[in-house]
Protein backbone atom coordinates (compact mmCIF):
# COMPACT_ATOMS: atom_id res chain seq x y z
CA MET A 1 -2.11 -10.61 -26.59
CA THR A 2 -1.31 -13.83 -27.03
CA ARG A 3 -1.16 -16.55 -24.03
CA LEU A 4 2.89 -16.52 -24.74
CA THR A 5 3.35 -13.13 -24.47
CA ALA A 6 1.50 -12.60 -21.29
CA LYS A 7 3.30 -14.83 -19.78
CA ALA A 8 6.52 -13.42 -20.92
CA MET A 9 5.53 -10.20 -19.45
CA LEU A 10 4.91 -11.71 -16.23
CA ILE A 11 8.02 -13.59 -16.47
CA GLY A 12 10.10 -10.12 -17.31
CA LEU A 13 7.93 -8.77 -14.20
CA VAL A 14 8.65 -11.05 -11.42
CA LEU A 15 12.28 -10.83 -12.59
CA GLY A 16 12.41 -7.10 -12.60
CA LEU A 17 11.26 -7.38 -8.94
CA ILE A 18 14.21 -9.83 -7.59
CA VAL A 19 16.81 -8.58 -9.05
CA SER A 20 15.87 -4.56 -8.87
CA PRO A 21 16.94 -4.18 -5.12
CA LEU A 22 20.25 -6.17 -5.44
CA VAL A 23 21.60 -4.10 -8.44
CA SER A 24 20.03 -0.44 -6.39
CA ALA A 25 21.56 -2.06 -3.07
CA GLN A 26 25.11 -2.60 -5.25
CA THR A 27 24.87 0.76 -6.92
CA ALA A 28 24.45 2.62 -3.29
CA ALA A 29 27.86 1.00 -1.82
CA LYS A 30 29.99 1.62 -5.15
CA ALA A 31 28.59 5.22 -5.15
CA GLY A 32 29.50 5.59 -1.25
CA ASP A 33 26.14 6.12 0.10
CA LYS A 34 26.33 3.43 2.56
CA VAL A 35 23.33 3.08 5.42
CA ASN A 36 24.68 4.71 9.08
CA ILE A 37 23.11 1.72 10.83
CA ASN A 38 23.74 4.19 14.06
CA THR A 39 21.29 6.96 12.42
CA ALA A 40 19.18 5.44 9.94
CA SER A 41 15.77 5.70 10.56
CA LEU A 42 13.14 2.27 10.16
CA ALA A 43 12.38 3.44 6.60
CA GLU A 44 16.29 3.71 5.81
CA LEU A 45 17.28 -0.10 6.94
CA GLN A 46 14.27 -1.52 5.08
CA LYS A 47 16.20 -0.31 2.00
CA LEU A 48 19.26 -2.84 3.02
CA PRO A 49 18.48 -6.73 1.27
CA ARG A 50 16.88 -8.90 3.54
CA ILE A 51 15.95 -6.28 5.96
CA GLY A 52 12.14 -5.97 6.46
CA PRO A 53 9.89 -3.84 8.82
CA GLN A 54 10.47 -6.29 11.85
CA ILE A 55 14.40 -6.73 11.80
CA ALA A 56 14.70 -2.89 11.44
CA GLN A 57 12.35 -2.44 14.38
CA ARG A 58 14.97 -5.15 15.97
CA ILE A 59 18.22 -2.68 14.85
CA LEU A 60 16.25 0.18 16.36
CA ASP A 61 15.12 -1.39 19.60
CA TYR A 62 18.93 -2.89 20.12
CA ARG A 63 20.34 0.80 19.41
CA LYS A 64 18.08 2.06 22.21
CA GLU A 65 18.80 -1.05 24.68
CA ASN A 66 22.80 -0.73 23.87
CA GLY A 67 23.71 2.56 22.44
CA ASN A 68 25.80 2.72 19.23
CA PHE A 69 27.32 0.42 17.30
CA LYS A 70 30.82 0.37 17.53
CA LYS A 71 31.59 -1.72 14.45
CA ILE A 72 29.49 -3.02 11.59
CA GLU A 73 29.68 -6.89 12.71
CA GLU A 74 28.03 -6.26 15.98
CA ILE A 75 24.72 -6.30 13.84
CA LEU A 76 25.33 -9.60 14.08
CA LYS A 77 23.95 -9.40 17.68
CA VAL A 78 20.89 -8.33 16.43
CA ARG A 79 18.12 -11.47 16.45
CA GLY A 80 17.04 -11.97 12.89
CA ILE A 81 20.84 -11.26 11.32
CA GLY A 82 23.44 -14.32 10.70
CA GLU A 83 26.03 -14.61 8.80
CA LYS A 84 24.44 -14.68 5.66
CA VAL A 85 22.30 -11.69 6.26
CA PHE A 86 25.98 -9.77 7.31
CA SER A 87 27.49 -11.02 4.17
CA GLN A 88 25.13 -9.10 1.75
CA LEU A 89 24.93 -6.02 4.34
CA LYS A 90 28.83 -5.69 4.83
CA ASP A 91 29.88 -3.36 2.26
CA LEU A 92 26.32 -1.60 2.28
CA ILE A 93 26.62 -0.04 5.70
CA THR A 94 28.86 1.85 7.95
CA VAL A 95 28.49 2.78 11.87
CA GLY A 96 30.25 6.41 10.52
CA ALA A 97 33.80 7.70 11.43
CA GLU A 98 32.67 9.12 14.71
CA ALA A 99 31.75 5.45 16.04
CA ALA A 100 34.33 3.93 13.95
CA SER A 101 37.14 5.76 15.97
CA LYS A 102 36.13 5.16 19.39
């Protein structure tokens, strides 16, 4: 394998790791498979863009201390989720029909 080929493969791998989560998140949103932030597990929350184990745990802790989210914008009250992160999440999350109607 030439040096150029190895470099091209590495670039392709890195780009794949960067683009893949963005594409899968967008695909999920288009398919209507939104993540219900009132019922999602730690693992399900971590599938969202920009949500790692610590922020996912903070979402669970917030839910435990404050009850269910009534609207998706309430996720902004979770430490580590600001406007920038929320803008990437808003089309991918829901609070479910039950919470939304209250």
